[in-house]
Amino acid sequence: KGRFHGVPMTGHNKIVAFQRPHRLVSISDGTVLSRNTWEVRPLALQHPACEVSLTIEYKFNSGLVRVLAGVASPLLHGEIQEMTEEALRRLHSIFAR
């Protein structure tokens, strides 16, 4: 549960595919329908460094939110991109310790 620009949003996240240790796919339903794919690739066999990519596909489930999102689409996509990059920075800081 949460809010995005004051609009209440709810959702459930479910892992639908897991290929240890390199791939995780989840879907969410609720105000936003999404599919998130995390892929982890080792950079070198001798070093524990890796590269992580995150692909997010989404659409808004609520009619009102869909209309508002259509009007503000460039702003929302930019903000969602920033939120994604921040999540990846936090992930990096956790594993860089």
PDB file of N, CA and C in Angstrom:
ATOM      1  N   LYS A   1       0.845  -1.184   0.000  1.00  0.00           N
ATOM      2  CA  LYS A   1       0.000   0.000   0.000  1.00  0.00           C
ATOM      3  C   LYS A   1       0.879   1.231   0.000  1.00  0.00           C
ATOM      4  N   GLY A   2       0.406   2.265  -0.620  1.00  0.00           N
ATOM      5  CA  GLY A   2       1.151   3.511  -0.630  1.00  0.00           C
ATOM      6  C   GLY A   2       0.418   4.570  -1.421  1.00  0.00           C
ATOM      7  N   ARG A   3       1.107   5.660  -1.636  1.00  0.00           N
ATOM      8  CA  ARG A   3       0.550   6.775  -2.405  1.00  0.00           C
ATOM      9  C   ARG A   3       1.571   7.209  -3.438  1.00  0.00           C
ATOM     10  N   PHE A   4       1.084   7.611  -4.587  1.00  0.00           N
ATOM     11  CA  PHE A   4       1.928   8.161  -5.636  1.00  0.00           C
ATOM     12  C   PHE A   4       1.287   9.471  -6.054  1.00  0.00           C
ATOM     13  N   HIS A   5       1.921  10.568  -5.727  1.00  0.00           N
ATOM     14  CA  HIS A   5       1.372  11.908  -5.962  1.00  0.00           C
ATOM     15  C   HIS A   5      -0.013  12.063  -5.347  1.00  0.00           C
ATOM     16  N   GLY A   6      -0.166  11.514  -4.149  1.00  0.00           N
ATOM     17  CA  GLY A   6      -1.418  11.644  -3.421  1.00  0.00           C
ATOM     18  C   GLY A   6      -2.482  10.631  -3.804  1.00  0.00           C
ATOM     19  N   VAL A   7      -2.255   9.848  -4.847  1.00  0.00           N
ATOM     20  CA  VAL A   7      -3.238   8.849  -5.279  1.00  0.00           C
ATOM     21  C   VAL A   7      -2.966   7.551  -4.522  1.00  0.00           C
ATOM     22  N   PRO A   8      -3.957   7.025  -3.799  1.00  0.00           N
ATOM     23  CA  PRO A   8      -3.724   5.773  -3.077  1.00  0.00           C
ATOM     24  C   PRO A   8      -3.518   4.613  -4.043  1.00  0.00           C
ATOM     25  N   MET A   9      -2.536   3.770  -3.723  1.00  0.00           N
ATOM     26  CA  MET A   9      -2.233   2.624  -4.566  1.00  0.00           C
ATOM     27  C   MET A   9      -2.056   1.392  -3.684  1.00  0.00           C
ATOM     28  N   THR A  10      -2.564   0.272  -4.159  1.00  0.00           N
ATOM     29  CA  THR A  10      -2.364  -0.995  -3.462  1.00  0.00           C
ATOM     30  C   THR A  10      -1.928  -2.039  -4.492  1.00  0.00           C
ATOM     31  N   GLY A  11      -1.300  -3.078  -4.015  1.00  0.00           N
ATOM     32  CA  GLY A  11      -0.897  -4.138  -4.930  1.00  0.00           C
ATOM     33  C   GLY A  11      -0.304  -5.303  -4.176  1.00  0.00           C
ATOM     34  N   HIS A  12      -0.227  -6.416  -4.848  1.00  0.00           N
ATOM     35  CA  HIS A  12       0.393  -7.634  -4.318  1.00  0.00           C
ATOM     36  C   HIS A  12       1.462  -8.055  -5.308  1.00  0.00           C
ATOM     37  N   ASN A  13       2.600  -8.437  -4.795  1.00  0.00           N
ATOM     38  CA  ASN A  13       3.702  -8.874  -5.631  1.00  0.00           C
ATOM     39  C   ASN A  13       3.873 -10.379  -5.475  1.00  0.00           C
ATOM     40  N   LYS A  14       4.068 -11.077  -6.595  1.00  0.00           N
ATOM     41  CA  LYS A  14       4.210 -12.533  -6.564  1.00  0.00           C
ATOM     42  C   LYS A  14       5.374 -12.933  -7.470  1.00  0.00           C
ATOM     43  N   ILE A  15       6.284 -13.740  -6.938  1.00  0.00           N
ATOM     44  CA  ILE A  15       7.390 -14.248  -7.743  1.00  0.00           C
ATOM     45  C   ILE A  15       6.838 -15.375  -8.613  1.00  0.00           C
ATOM     46  N   VAL A  16       7.019 -15.252  -9.934  1.00  0.00           N
ATOM     47  CA  VAL A  16       6.480 -16.253 -10.856  1.00  0.00           C
ATOM     48  C   VAL A  16       7.569 -17.086 -11.528  1.00  0.00           C
ATOM     49  N   ALA A  17       8.813 -16.643 -11.455  1.00  0.00           N
ATOM     50  CA  ALA A  17       9.918 -17.424 -12.021  1.00  0.00           C
ATOM     51  C   ALA A  17      11.186 -17.103 -11.245  1.00  0.00           C
ATOM     52  N   PHE A  18      11.972 -18.129 -11.018  1.00  0.00           N
ATOM     53  CA  PHE A  18      13.222 -17.954 -10.290  1.00  0.00           C
ATOM     54  C   PHE A  18      14.221 -18.951 -10.839  1.00  0.00           C
ATOM     55  N   GLN A  19      15.295 -18.442 -11.386  1.00  0.00           N
ATOM     56  CA  GLN A  19      16.352 -19.295 -11.903  1.00  0.00           C
ATOM     57  C   GLN A  19      17.614 -18.946 -11.120  1.00  0.00           C
ATOM     58  N   ARG A  20      17.873 -19.731 -10.114  1.00  0.00           N
ATOM     59  CA  ARG A  20      18.964 -19.445  -9.196  1.00  0.00           C
ATOM     60  C   ARG A  20      20.304 -19.508  -9.900  1.00  0.00           C
ATOM     61  N   PRO A  21      21.196 -18.623  -9.695  1.00  0.00           N
ATOM     62  CA  PRO A  21      21.091 -17.388  -8.924  1.00  0.00           C
ATOM     63  C   PRO A  21      20.941 -16.165  -9.805  1.00  0.00           C
ATOM     64  N   HIS A  22      20.568 -16.352 -11.083  1.00  0.00           N
ATOM     65  CA  HIS A  22      20.697 -15.262 -12.048  1.00  0.00           C
ATOM     66  C   HIS A  22      19.427 -14.540 -12.459  1.00  0.00           C
ATOM     67  N   ARG A  23      18.255 -15.056 -12.148  1.00  0.00           N
ATOM     68  CA  ARG A  23      17.041 -14.436 -12.692  1.00  0.00           C
ATOM     69  C   ARG A  23      15.875 -14.571 -11.718  1.00  0.00           C
ATOM     70  N   LEU A  24      15.123 -13.473 -11.575  1.00  0.00           N
ATOM     71  CA  LEU A  24      13.932 -13.440 -10.737  1.00  0.00           C
ATOM     72  C   LEU A  24      12.880 -12.628 -11.483  1.00  0.00           C
ATOM     73  N   VAL A  25      11.703 -13.195 -11.636  1.00  0.00           N
ATOM     74  CA  VAL A  25      10.610 -12.495 -12.312  1.00  0.00           C
ATOM     75  C   VAL A  25       9.430 -12.435 -11.358  1.00  0.00           C
ATOM     76  N   SER A  26       8.871 -11.245 -11.202  1.00  0.00           N
ATOM     77  CA  SER A  26       7.691 -11.090 -10.354  1.00  0.00           C
ATOM     78  C   SER A  26       6.628 -10.304 -11.104  1.00  0.00           C
ATOM     79  N   ILE A  27       5.396 -10.522 -10.691  1.00  0.00           N
ATOM     80  CA  ILE A  27       4.281  -9.746 -11.224  1.00  0.00           C
ATOM     81  C   ILE A  27       3.567  -9.098 -10.050  1.00  0.00           C
ATOM     82  N   SER A  28       2.955  -7.974 -10.305  1.00  0.00           N
ATOM     83  CA  SER A  28       2.145  -7.338  -9.273  1.00  0.00           C
ATOM     84  C   SER A  28       0.783  -7.016  -9.866  1.00  0.00           C
ATOM     85  N   ASP A  29      -0.214  -7.059  -8.995  1.00  0.00           N
ATOM     86  CA  ASP A  29      -1.547  -6.653  -9.415  1.00  0.00           C
ATOM     87  C   ASP A  29      -2.076  -5.668  -8.400  1.00  0.00           C
ATOM     88  N   GLY A  30      -3.029  -4.902  -8.813  1.00  0.00           N
ATOM     89  CA  GLY A  30      -3.587  -3.854  -7.968  1.00  0.00           C
ATOM     90  C   GLY A  30      -3.790  -2.621  -8.829  1.00  0.00           C
ATOM     91  N   THR A  31      -3.490  -1.451  -8.286  1.00  0.00           N
ATOM     92  CA  THR A  31      -3.630  -0.211  -9.033  1.00  0.00           C
ATOM     93  C   THR A  31      -2.721  -0.212 -10.252  1.00  0.00           C
ATOM     94  N   VAL A  32      -1.530  -0.795 -10.093  1.00  0.00           N
ATOM     95  CA  VAL A  32      -0.578  -0.922 -11.186  1.00  0.00           C
ATOM     96  C   VAL A  32      -0.359  -2.410 -11.449  1.00  0.00           C
ATOM     97  N   LEU A  33      -0.463  -2.797 -12.700  1.00  0.00           N
ATOM     98  CA  LEU A  33      -0.144  -4.162 -13.106  1.00  0.00           C
ATOM     99  C   LEU A  33       1.272  -4.121 -13.659  1.00  0.00           C
ATOM    100  N   SER A  34       2.152  -4.966 -13.143  1.00  0.00           N
ATOM    101  CA  SER A  34       3.530  -4.908 -13.624  1.00  0.00           C
ATOM    102  C   SER A  34       4.176  -6.273 -13.660  1.00  0.00           C
ATOM    103  N   ARG A  35       5.236  -6.329 -14.423  1.00  0.00           N
ATOM    104  CA  ARG A  35       6.111  -7.504 -14.497  1.00  0.00           C
ATOM    105  C   ARG A  35       7.526  -6.967 -14.351  1.00  0.00           C
ATOM    106  N   ASN A  36       8.247  -7.494 -13.363  1.00  0.00           N
ATOM    107  CA  ASN A  36       9.605  -7.039 -13.074  1.00  0.00           C
ATOM    108  C   ASN A  36      10.561  -8.201 -13.259  1.00  0.00           C
ATOM    109  N   THR A  37      11.614  -7.985 -14.009  1.00  0.00           N
ATOM    110  CA  THR A  37      12.607  -9.024 -14.249  1.00  0.00           C
ATOM    111  C   THR A  37      13.973  -8.519 -13.782  1.00  0.00           C
ATOM    112  N   TRP A  38      14.526  -9.214 -12.809  1.00  0.00           N
ATOM    113  CA  TRP A  38      15.876  -8.934 -12.303  1.00  0.00           C
ATOM    114  C   TRP A  38      16.815  -9.968 -12.910  1.00  0.00           C
ATOM    115  N   GLU A  39      17.916  -9.498 -13.492  1.00  0.00           N
ATOM    116  CA  GLU A  39      18.931 -10.406 -14.016  1.00  0.00           C
ATOM    117  C   GLU A  39      20.283 -10.013 -13.436  1.00  0.00           C
ATOM    118  N   VAL A  40      20.999 -11.008 -12.922  1.00  0.00           N
ATOM    119  CA  VAL A  40      22.303 -10.785 -12.290  1.00  0.00           C
ATOM    120  C   VAL A  40      23.339 -11.566 -13.097  1.00  0.00           C
ATOM    121  N   ARG A  41      24.384 -10.845 -13.527  1.00  0.00           N
ATOM    122  CA  ARG A  41      25.445 -11.484 -14.304  1.00  0.00           C
ATOM    123  C   ARG A  41      26.791 -11.247 -13.631  1.00  0.00           C
ATOM    124  N   PRO A  42      27.546 -12.314 -13.357  1.00  0.00           N
ATOM    125  CA  PRO A  42      28.887 -12.148 -12.781  1.00  0.00           C
ATOM    126  C   PRO A  42      29.789 -11.404 -13.766  1.00  0.00           C
ATOM    127  N   LEU A  43      30.646 -10.523 -13.247  1.00  0.00           N
ATOM    128  CA  LEU A  43      31.587  -9.805 -14.102  1.00  0.00           C
ATOM    129  C   LEU A  43      32.888 -10.573 -14.268  1.00  0.00           C
ATOM    130  N   ALA A  44      33.267 -11.345 -13.274  1.00  0.00           N
ATOM    131  CA  ALA A  44      34.487 -12.146 -13.365  1.00  0.00           C
ATOM    132  C   ALA A  44      34.358 -13.336 -12.415  1.00  0.00           C
ATOM    133  N   LEU A  45      34.928 -14.449 -12.799  1.00  0.00           N
ATOM    134  CA  LEU A  45      34.818 -15.643 -11.960  1.00  0.00           C
ATOM    135  C   LEU A  45      35.585 -15.510 -10.650  1.00  0.00           C
ATOM    136  N   GLN A  46      36.703 -14.783 -10.646  1.00  0.00           N
ATOM    137  CA  GLN A  46      37.524 -14.680  -9.445  1.00  0.00           C
ATOM    138  C   GLN A  46      37.013 -13.619  -8.468  1.00  0.00           C
ATOM    139  N   HIS A  47      36.181 -12.747  -8.889  1.00  0.00           N
ATOM    140  CA  HIS A  47      35.768 -11.610  -8.063  1.00  0.00           C
ATOM    141  C   HIS A  47      34.255 -11.657  -7.865  1.00  0.00           C
ATOM    142  N   PRO A  48      33.760 -11.305  -6.700  1.00  0.00           N
ATOM    143  CA  PRO A  48      32.313 -11.396  -6.457  1.00  0.00           C
ATOM    144  C   PRO A  48      31.492 -10.256  -7.077  1.00  0.00           C
ATOM    145  N   ALA A  49      32.073  -9.485  -7.977  1.00  0.00           N
ATOM    146  CA  ALA A  49      31.341  -8.377  -8.595  1.00  0.00           C
ATOM    147  C   ALA A  49      30.322  -8.909  -9.600  1.00  0.00           C
ATOM    148  N   CYS A  50      29.235  -8.177  -9.764  1.00  0.00           N
ATOM    149  CA  CYS A  50      28.220  -8.573 -10.735  1.00  0.00           C
ATOM    150  C   CYS A  50      27.551  -7.335 -11.311  1.00  0.00           C
ATOM    151  N   GLU A  51      26.842  -7.557 -12.378  1.00  0.00           N
ATOM    152  CA  GLU A  51      26.059  -6.507 -13.029  1.00  0.00           C
ATOM    153  C   GLU A  51      24.599  -6.896 -12.862  1.00  0.00           C
ATOM    154  N   VAL A  52      23.758  -5.928 -12.498  1.00  0.00           N
ATOM    155  CA  VAL A  52      22.335  -6.192 -12.282  1.00  0.00           C
ATOM    156  C   VAL A  52      21.527  -5.344 -13.247  1.00  0.00           C
ATOM    157  N   SER A  53      20.555  -5.965 -13.888  1.00  0.00           N
ATOM    158  CA  SER A  53      19.628  -5.184 -14.706  1.00  0.00           C
ATOM    159  C   SER A  53      18.215  -5.459 -14.209  1.00  0.00           C
ATOM    160  N   LEU A  54      17.389  -4.451 -14.340  1.00  0.00           N
ATOM    161  CA  LEU A  54      15.994  -4.545 -13.925  1.00  0.00           C
ATOM    162  C   LEU A  54      15.132  -4.035 -15.069  1.00  0.00           C
ATOM    163  N   THR A  55      14.212  -4.864 -15.526  1.00  0.00           N
ATOM    164  CA  THR A  55      13.276  -4.469 -16.574  1.00  0.00           C
ATOM    165  C   THR A  55      11.885  -4.437 -15.959  1.00  0.00           C
ATOM    166  N   ILE A  56      11.212  -3.315 -16.143  1.00  0.00           N
ATOM    167  CA  ILE A  56       9.872  -3.153 -15.582  1.00  0.00           C
ATOM    168  C   ILE A  56       8.895  -2.857 -16.717  1.00  0.00           C
ATOM    169  N   GLU A  57       7.853  -3.650 -16.781  1.00  0.00           N
ATOM    170  CA  GLU A  57       6.757  -3.401 -17.708  1.00  0.00           C
ATOM    171  C   GLU A  57       5.528  -3.141 -16.845  1.00  0.00           C
ATOM    172  N   TYR A  58       4.788  -2.079 -17.127  1.00  0.00           N
ATOM    173  CA  TYR A  58       3.646  -1.773 -16.269  1.00  0.00           C
ATOM    174  C   TYR A  58       2.546  -1.070 -17.037  1.00  0.00           C
ATOM    175  N   LYS A  59       1.366  -1.132 -16.456  1.00  0.00           N
ATOM    176  CA  LYS A  59       0.230  -0.343 -16.924  1.00  0.00           C
ATOM    177  C   LYS A  59      -0.656  -0.085 -15.714  1.00  0.00           C
ATOM    178  N   PHE A  60      -1.436   0.956 -15.798  1.00  0.00           N
ATOM    179  CA  PHE A  60      -2.317   1.319 -14.694  1.00  0.00           C
ATOM    180  C   PHE A  60      -3.647   0.598 -14.850  1.00  0.00           C
ATOM    181  N   ASN A  61      -4.118   0.014 -13.751  1.00  0.00           N
ATOM    182  CA  ASN A  61      -5.326  -0.792 -13.757  1.00  0.00           C
ATOM    183  C   ASN A  61      -6.580   0.051 -13.538  1.00  0.00           C
ATOM    184  N   SER A  62      -6.472   1.107 -12.767  1.00  0.00           N
ATOM    185  CA  SER A  62      -7.614   1.954 -12.435  1.00  0.00           C
ATOM    186  C   SER A  62      -7.912   2.910 -13.593  1.00  0.00           C
ATOM    187  N   GLY A  63      -9.185   3.039 -13.958  1.00  0.00           N
ATOM    188  CA  GLY A  63      -9.579   3.933 -15.050  1.00  0.00           C
ATOM    189  C   GLY A  63      -9.165   5.368 -14.820  1.00  0.00           C
ATOM    190  N   LEU A  64      -9.427   5.900 -13.621  1.00  0.00           N
ATOM    191  CA  LEU A  64      -9.078   7.290 -13.314  1.00  0.00           C
ATOM    192  C   LEU A  64      -7.569   7.484 -13.337  1.00  0.00           C
ATOM    193  N   VAL A  65      -6.837   6.564 -12.730  1.00  0.00           N
ATOM    194  CA  VAL A  65      -5.377   6.668 -12.714  1.00  0.00           C
ATOM    195  C   VAL A  65      -4.841   6.559 -14.134  1.00  0.00           C
ATOM    196  N   ARG A  66      -5.440   5.702 -14.960  1.00  0.00           N
ATOM    197  CA  ARG A  66      -5.008   5.538 -16.352  1.00  0.00           C
ATOM    198  C   ARG A  66      -5.167   6.849 -17.115  1.00  0.00           C
ATOM    199  N   VAL A  67      -6.293   7.543 -16.919  1.00  0.00           N
ATOM    200  CA  VAL A  67      -6.525   8.825 -17.592  1.00  0.00           C
ATOM    201  C   VAL A  67      -5.508   9.858 -17.119  1.00  0.00           C
ATOM    202  N   LEU A  68      -5.318   9.961 -15.805  1.00  0.00           N
ATOM    203  CA  LEU A  68      -4.346  10.911 -15.268  1.00  0.00           C
ATOM    204  C   LEU A  68      -2.937  10.590 -15.741  1.00  0.00           C
ATOM    205  N   ALA A  69      -2.612   9.313 -15.786  1.00  0.00           N
ATOM    206  CA  ALA A  69      -1.278   8.903 -16.232  1.00  0.00           C
ATOM    207  C   ALA A  69      -1.073   9.241 -17.706  1.00  0.00           C
ATOM    208  N   GLY A  70      -2.125   9.102 -18.500  1.00  0.00           N
ATOM    209  CA  GLY A  70      -2.007   9.443 -19.919  1.00  0.00           C
ATOM    210  C   GLY A  70      -1.688  10.910 -20.122  1.00  0.00           C
ATOM    211  N   VAL A  71      -2.294  11.765 -19.321  1.00  0.00           N
ATOM    212  CA  VAL A  71      -2.061  13.203 -19.421  1.00  0.00           C
ATOM    213  C   VAL A  71      -0.647  13.550 -18.957  1.00  0.00           C
ATOM    214  N   ALA A  72      -0.207  12.914 -17.881  1.00  0.00           N
ATOM    215  CA  ALA A  72       1.093  13.238 -17.284  1.00  0.00           C
ATOM    216  C   ALA A  72       2.159  12.196 -17.617  1.00  0.00           C
ATOM    217  N   SER A  73       1.969  11.459 -18.695  1.00  0.00           N
ATOM    218  CA  SER A  73       2.844  10.335 -19.018  1.00  0.00           C
ATOM    219  C   SER A  73       4.339  10.650 -19.001  1.00  0.00           C
ATOM    220  N   PRO A  74       4.806  11.707 -19.666  1.00  0.00           N
ATOM    221  CA  PRO A  74       6.260  11.962 -19.649  1.00  0.00           C
ATOM    222  C   PRO A  74       6.794  12.203 -18.231  1.00  0.00           C
ATOM    223  N   LEU A  75       6.053  12.921 -17.423  1.00  0.00           N
ATOM    224  CA  LEU A  75       6.466  13.186 -16.045  1.00  0.00           C
ATOM    225  C   LEU A  75       6.498  11.889 -15.236  1.00  0.00           C
ATOM    226  N   LEU A  76       5.464  11.073 -15.356  1.00  0.00           N
ATOM    227  CA  LEU A  76       5.403   9.824 -14.595  1.00  0.00           C
ATOM    228  C   LEU A  76       6.502   8.852 -15.009  1.00  0.00           C
ATOM    229  N   HIS A  77       6.734   8.714 -16.306  1.00  0.00           N
ATOM    230  CA  HIS A  77       7.782   7.796 -16.762  1.00  0.00           C
ATOM    231  C   HIS A  77       9.147   8.239 -16.241  1.00  0.00           C
ATOM    232  N   GLY A  78       9.401   9.548 -16.262  1.00  0.00           N
ATOM    233  CA  GLY A  78      10.660  10.063 -15.730  1.00  0.00           C
ATOM    234  C   GLY A  78      10.794   9.794 -14.246  1.00  0.00           C
ATOM    235  N   GLU A  79       9.713   9.990 -13.514  1.00  0.00           N
ATOM    236  CA  GLU A  79       9.747   9.754 -12.072  1.00  0.00           C
ATOM    237  C   GLU A  79       9.903   8.270 -11.748  1.00  0.00           C
ATOM    238  N   ILE A  80       9.243   7.412 -12.496  1.00  0.00           N
ATOM    239  CA  ILE A  80       9.390   5.974 -12.283  1.00  0.00           C
ATOM    240  C   ILE A  80      10.814   5.536 -12.606  1.00  0.00           C
ATOM    241  N   GLN A  81      11.416   6.119 -13.647  1.00  0.00           N
ATOM    242  CA  GLN A  81      12.810   5.822 -13.974  1.00  0.00           C
ATOM    243  C   GLN A  81      13.720   6.227 -12.815  1.00  0.00           C
ATOM    244  N   GLU A  82      13.483   7.402 -12.237  1.00  0.00           N
ATOM    245  CA  GLU A  82      14.288   7.853 -11.091  1.00  0.00           C
ATOM    246  C   GLU A  82      14.118   6.920  -9.894  1.00  0.00           C
ATOM    247  N   MET A  83      12.884   6.476  -9.628  1.00  0.00           N
ATOM    248  CA  MET A  83      12.638   5.565  -8.517  1.00  0.00           C
ATOM    249  C   MET A  83      13.367   4.236  -8.740  1.00  0.00           C
ATOM    250  N   THR A  84      13.368   3.763  -9.977  1.00  0.00           N
ATOM    251  CA  THR A  84      14.057   2.512 -10.312  1.00  0.00           C
ATOM    252  C   THR A  84      15.554   2.660 -10.111  1.00  0.00           C
ATOM    253  N   GLU A  85      16.113   3.766 -10.583  1.00  0.00           N
ATOM    254  CA  GLU A  85      17.550   3.994 -10.418  1.00  0.00           C
ATOM    255  C   GLU A  85      17.922   4.109  -8.945  1.00  0.00           C
ATOM    256  N   GLU A  86      17.069   4.734  -8.153  1.00  0.00           N
ATOM    257  CA  GLU A  86      17.330   4.834  -6.712  1.00  0.00           C
ATOM    258  C   GLU A  86      17.298   3.455  -6.061  1.00  0.00           C
ATOM    259  N   ALA A  87      16.363   2.602  -6.471  1.00  0.00           N
ATOM    260  CA  ALA A  87      16.300   1.240  -5.929  1.00  0.00           C
ATOM    261  C   ALA A  87      17.578   0.478  -6.273  1.00  0.00           C
ATOM    262  N   LEU A  88      18.077   0.648  -7.493  1.00  0.00           N
ATOM    263  CA  LEU A  88      19.321  -0.026  -7.881  1.00  0.00           C
ATOM    264  C   LEU A  88      20.520   0.532  -7.104  1.00  0.00           C
ATOM    265  N   ARG A  89      20.543   1.833  -6.833  1.00  0.00           N
ATOM    266  CA  ARG A  89      21.629   2.422  -6.017  1.00  0.00           C
ATOM    267  C   ARG A  89      21.600   1.853  -4.598  1.00  0.00           C
ATOM    268  N   ARG A  90      20.394   1.719  -4.017  1.00  0.00           N
ATOM    269  CA  ARG A  90      20.286   1.136  -2.679  1.00  0.00           C
ATOM    270  C   ARG A  90      20.762  -0.312  -2.681  1.00  0.00           C
ATOM    271  N   LEU A  91      20.387  -1.066  -3.706  1.00  0.00           N
ATOM    272  CA  LEU A  91      20.837  -2.445  -3.831  1.00  0.00           C
ATOM    273  C   LEU A  91      22.366  -2.494  -3.901  1.00  0.00           C
ATOM    274  N   HIS A  92      22.943  -1.611  -4.684  1.00  0.00           N
ATOM    275  CA  HIS A  92      24.406  -1.574  -4.807  1.00  0.00           C
ATOM    276  C   HIS A  92      25.050  -1.264  -3.469  1.00  0.00           C
ATOM    277  N   SER A  93      24.495  -0.305  -2.730  1.00  0.00           N
ATOM    278  CA  SER A  93      25.099   0.059  -1.440  1.00  0.00           C
ATOM    279  C   SER A  93      25.006  -1.087  -0.434  1.00  0.00           C
ATOM    280  N   ILE A  94      23.951  -1.881  -0.510  1.00  0.00           N
ATOM    281  CA  ILE A  94      23.811  -3.031   0.389  1.00  0.00           C
ATOM    282  C   ILE A  94      24.878  -4.078   0.090  1.00  0.00           C
ATOM    283  N   PHE A  95      25.085  -4.372  -1.181  1.00  0.00           N
ATOM    284  CA  PHE A  95      26.038  -5.423  -1.543  1.00  0.00           C
ATOM    285  C   PHE A  95      27.472  -4.943  -1.564  1.00  0.00           C
ATOM    286  N   ALA A  96      27.694  -3.640  -1.601  1.00  0.00           N
ATOM    287  CA  ALA A  96      29.059  -3.106  -1.636  1.00  0.00           C
ATOM    288  C   ALA A  96      29.692  -3.087  -0.251  1.00  0.00           C
ATOM    289  N   ARG A  97      28.938  -3.355   0.783  1.00  0.00           N
ATOM    290  CA  ARG A  97      29.461  -3.313   2.155  1.00  0.00           C
ATOM    291  C   ARG A  97      30.454  -4.404   2.418  1.00  0.00           C
TER     292      ARG A  97
END
